[in-house]
């Protein structure tokens, strides 16, 4: 039975890890996320874009020492969706016991 709290956008492993990393933190820089996930820039950009397209993640750009840097954070919608998805995963696992 499908539950509406299971979020297929978040559930993909890299996107789940991105949300888990962003959830307890205010903002995280692109390169920090990339390094934590051990993925290429292009792979991370693809997953971030999918999260941005549904309104779960927003970015902030600024220059540091002349280089543009990007920081990301979960939106309120993204934070709620992540929390509901985690609760749904816990529910699914608890039914297996």
C-alpha atoms as a PDB file:
ATOM      1  CA  UNK A   1       0.000   0.000   0.000  1.00  0.00           C
ATOM      2  CA  UNK A   2       1.463   3.346  -1.038  1.00  0.00           C
ATOM      3  CA  UNK A   3       1.662   6.025   1.626  1.00  0.00           C
ATOM      4  CA  UNK A   4       1.763   9.676   0.622  1.00  0.00           C
ATOM      5  CA  UNK A   5       4.651  10.303   3.057  1.00  0.00           C
ATOM      6  CA  UNK A   6       7.008   8.147   0.977  1.00  0.00           C
ATOM      7  CA  UNK A   7       8.765  10.712  -1.193  1.00  0.00           C
ATOM      8  CA  UNK A   8      10.352   9.289  -4.339  1.00  0.00           C
ATOM      9  CA  UNK A   9      12.213  12.554  -4.981  1.00  0.00           C
ATOM     10  CA  UNK A  10      13.965  12.393  -1.608  1.00  0.00           C
ATOM     11  CA  UNK A  11      14.361   8.600  -1.533  1.00  0.00           C
ATOM     12  CA  UNK A  12      17.084   8.341  -4.208  1.00  0.00           C
ATOM     13  CA  UNK A  13      20.285   7.603  -2.225  1.00  0.00           C
ATOM     14  CA  UNK A  14      22.203  10.784  -3.118  1.00  0.00           C
ATOM     15  CA  UNK A  15      19.186  13.036  -2.564  1.00  0.00           C
ATOM     16  CA  UNK A  16      18.424  11.318   0.736  1.00  0.00           C
ATOM     17  CA  UNK A  17      22.016  11.950   1.828  1.00  0.00           C
ATOM     18  CA  UNK A  18      21.822  15.599   0.708  1.00  0.00           C
ATOM     19  CA  UNK A  19      18.666  16.141   2.771  1.00  0.00           C
ATOM     20  CA  UNK A  20      20.168  14.322   5.755  1.00  0.00           C
ATOM     21  CA  UNK A  21      23.259  16.530   5.568  1.00  0.00           C
ATOM     22  CA  UNK A  22      21.298  19.773   5.174  1.00  0.00           C
ATOM     23  CA  UNK A  23      18.642  18.965   7.772  1.00  0.00           C
ATOM     24  CA  UNK A  24      20.602  19.728  10.966  1.00  0.00           C
ATOM     25  CA  UNK A  25      22.604  22.577   9.430  1.00  0.00           C
ATOM     26  CA  UNK A  26      21.649  26.067   8.328  1.00  0.00           C
ATOM     27  CA  UNK A  27      23.576  26.066   5.054  1.00  0.00           C
ATOM     28  CA  UNK A  28      26.195  23.868   3.455  1.00  0.00           C
ATOM     29  CA  UNK A  29      28.581  24.830   0.679  1.00  0.00           C
ATOM     30  CA  UNK A  30      28.444  22.892  -2.596  1.00  0.00           C
ATOM     31  CA  UNK A  31      31.974  21.505  -2.279  1.00  0.00           C
ATOM     32  CA  UNK A  32      31.315  20.252   1.265  1.00  0.00           C
ATOM     33  CA  UNK A  33      28.230  18.346   0.092  1.00  0.00           C
ATOM     34  CA  UNK A  34      30.169  16.987  -2.898  1.00  0.00           C
ATOM     35  CA  UNK A  35      33.011  15.787  -0.695  1.00  0.00           C
ATOM     36  CA  UNK A  36      30.698  14.258   1.923  1.00  0.00           C
ATOM     37  CA  UNK A  37      28.835  12.288  -0.755  1.00  0.00           C
ATOM     38  CA  UNK A  38      32.008  11.482  -2.752  1.00  0.00           C
ATOM     39  CA  UNK A  39      30.360  12.415  -6.038  1.00  0.00           C
ATOM     40  CA  UNK A  40      31.377  14.560  -8.991  1.00  0.00           C
ATOM     41  CA  UNK A  41      30.230  18.149  -9.452  1.00  0.00           C
ATOM     42  CA  UNK A  42      27.904  17.103 -12.268  1.00  0.00           C
ATOM     43  CA  UNK A  43      26.252  14.307 -10.255  1.00  0.00           C
ATOM     44  CA  UNK A  44      25.686  16.624  -7.301  1.00  0.00           C
ATOM     45  CA  UNK A  45      24.367  19.410  -9.548  1.00  0.00           C
ATOM     46  CA  UNK A  46      21.842  17.012 -11.088  1.00  0.00           C
ATOM     47  CA  UNK A  47      20.516  15.909  -7.696  1.00  0.00           C
ATOM     48  CA  UNK A  48      20.452  19.437  -6.267  1.00  0.00           C
ATOM     49  CA  UNK A  49      18.495  20.601  -9.327  1.00  0.00           C
ATOM     50  CA  UNK A  50      15.875  17.905  -8.777  1.00  0.00           C
ATOM     51  CA  UNK A  51      15.481  19.015  -5.166  1.00  0.00           C
ATOM     52  CA  UNK A  52      15.319  22.677  -6.222  1.00  0.00           C
ATOM     53  CA  UNK A  53      12.728  21.951  -8.926  1.00  0.00           C
ATOM     54  CA  UNK A  54      10.246  20.687  -6.316  1.00  0.00           C
ATOM     55  CA  UNK A  55      11.043  23.483  -3.875  1.00  0.00           C
ATOM     56  CA  UNK A  56      12.901  21.384  -1.290  1.00  0.00           C
ATOM     57  CA  UNK A  57      16.275  23.143  -1.574  1.00  0.00           C
ATOM     58  CA  UNK A  58      17.328  26.731  -2.216  1.00  0.00           C
ATOM     59  CA  UNK A  59      20.752  28.103  -2.944  1.00  0.00           C
ATOM     60  CA  UNK A  60      22.596  31.279  -2.124  1.00  0.00           C
ATOM     61  CA  UNK A  61      25.503  32.496  -4.230  1.00  0.00           C
ATOM     62  CA  UNK A  62      28.269  34.833  -3.163  1.00  0.00           C
ATOM     63  CA  UNK A  63      31.873  35.584  -4.007  1.00  0.00           C
ATOM     64  CA  UNK A  64      34.705  34.536  -1.739  1.00  0.00           C
ATOM     65  CA  UNK A  65      38.184  35.702  -2.744  1.00  0.00           C
ATOM     66  CA  UNK A  66      36.846  36.452  -6.228  1.00  0.00           C
ATOM     67  CA  UNK A  67      35.362  32.973  -6.737  1.00  0.00           C
ATOM     68  CA  UNK A  68      31.665  32.331  -6.798  1.00  0.00           C
ATOM     69  CA  UNK A  69      30.540  29.927  -4.094  1.00  0.00           C
ATOM     70  CA  UNK A  70      27.159  28.295  -3.639  1.00  0.00           C
ATOM     71  CA  UNK A  71      25.512  27.371  -0.357  1.00  0.00           C
ATOM     72  CA  UNK A  72      22.380  25.259  -0.043  1.00  0.00           C
ATOM     73  CA  UNK A  73      19.693  24.890   2.588  1.00  0.00           C
ATOM     74  CA  UNK A  74      16.439  22.996   2.987  1.00  0.00           C
ATOM     75  CA  UNK A  75      13.321  25.092   2.587  1.00  0.00           C
ATOM     76  CA  UNK A  76      10.522  24.694   5.118  1.00  0.00           C
ATOM     77  CA  UNK A  77       8.747  22.507   2.557  1.00  0.00           C
ATOM     78  CA  UNK A  78      11.888  20.421   2.050  1.00  0.00           C
ATOM     79  CA  UNK A  79      12.480  20.032   5.775  1.00  0.00           C
ATOM     80  CA  UNK A  80       8.897  18.851   6.334  1.00  0.00           C
ATOM     81  CA  UNK A  81       9.051  16.458   3.366  1.00  0.00           C
ATOM     82  CA  UNK A  82      12.326  14.998   4.656  1.00  0.00           C
ATOM     83  CA  UNK A  83      10.937  14.550   8.172  1.00  0.00           C
ATOM     84  CA  UNK A  84       7.799  12.847   6.834  1.00  0.00           C
ATOM     85  CA  UNK A  85       9.868  10.596   4.573  1.00  0.00           C
ATOM     86  CA  UNK A  86      12.117   9.533   7.463  1.00  0.00           C
ATOM     87  CA  UNK A  87       9.043   8.796   9.597  1.00  0.00           C
ATOM     88  CA  UNK A  88       7.587   6.713   6.773  1.00  0.00           C
ATOM     89  CA  UNK A  89      10.829   4.738   6.437  1.00  0.00           C
ATOM     90  CA  UNK A  90      10.772   4.078  10.190  1.00  0.00           C
ATOM     91  CA  UNK A  91       7.156   2.913   9.924  1.00  0.00           C
ATOM     92  CA  UNK A  92       7.975   0.547   7.068  1.00  0.00           C
ATOM     93  CA  UNK A  93      10.941  -0.942   8.939  1.00  0.00           C
ATOM     94  CA  UNK A  94       8.985  -1.301  12.183  1.00  0.00           C
ATOM     95  CA  UNK A  95       6.369  -3.397  10.375  1.00  0.00           C
ATOM     96  CA  UNK A  96       9.076  -5.902   9.464  1.00  0.00           C
ATOM     97  CA  UNK A  97       9.813  -6.748  13.096  1.00  0.00           C
END
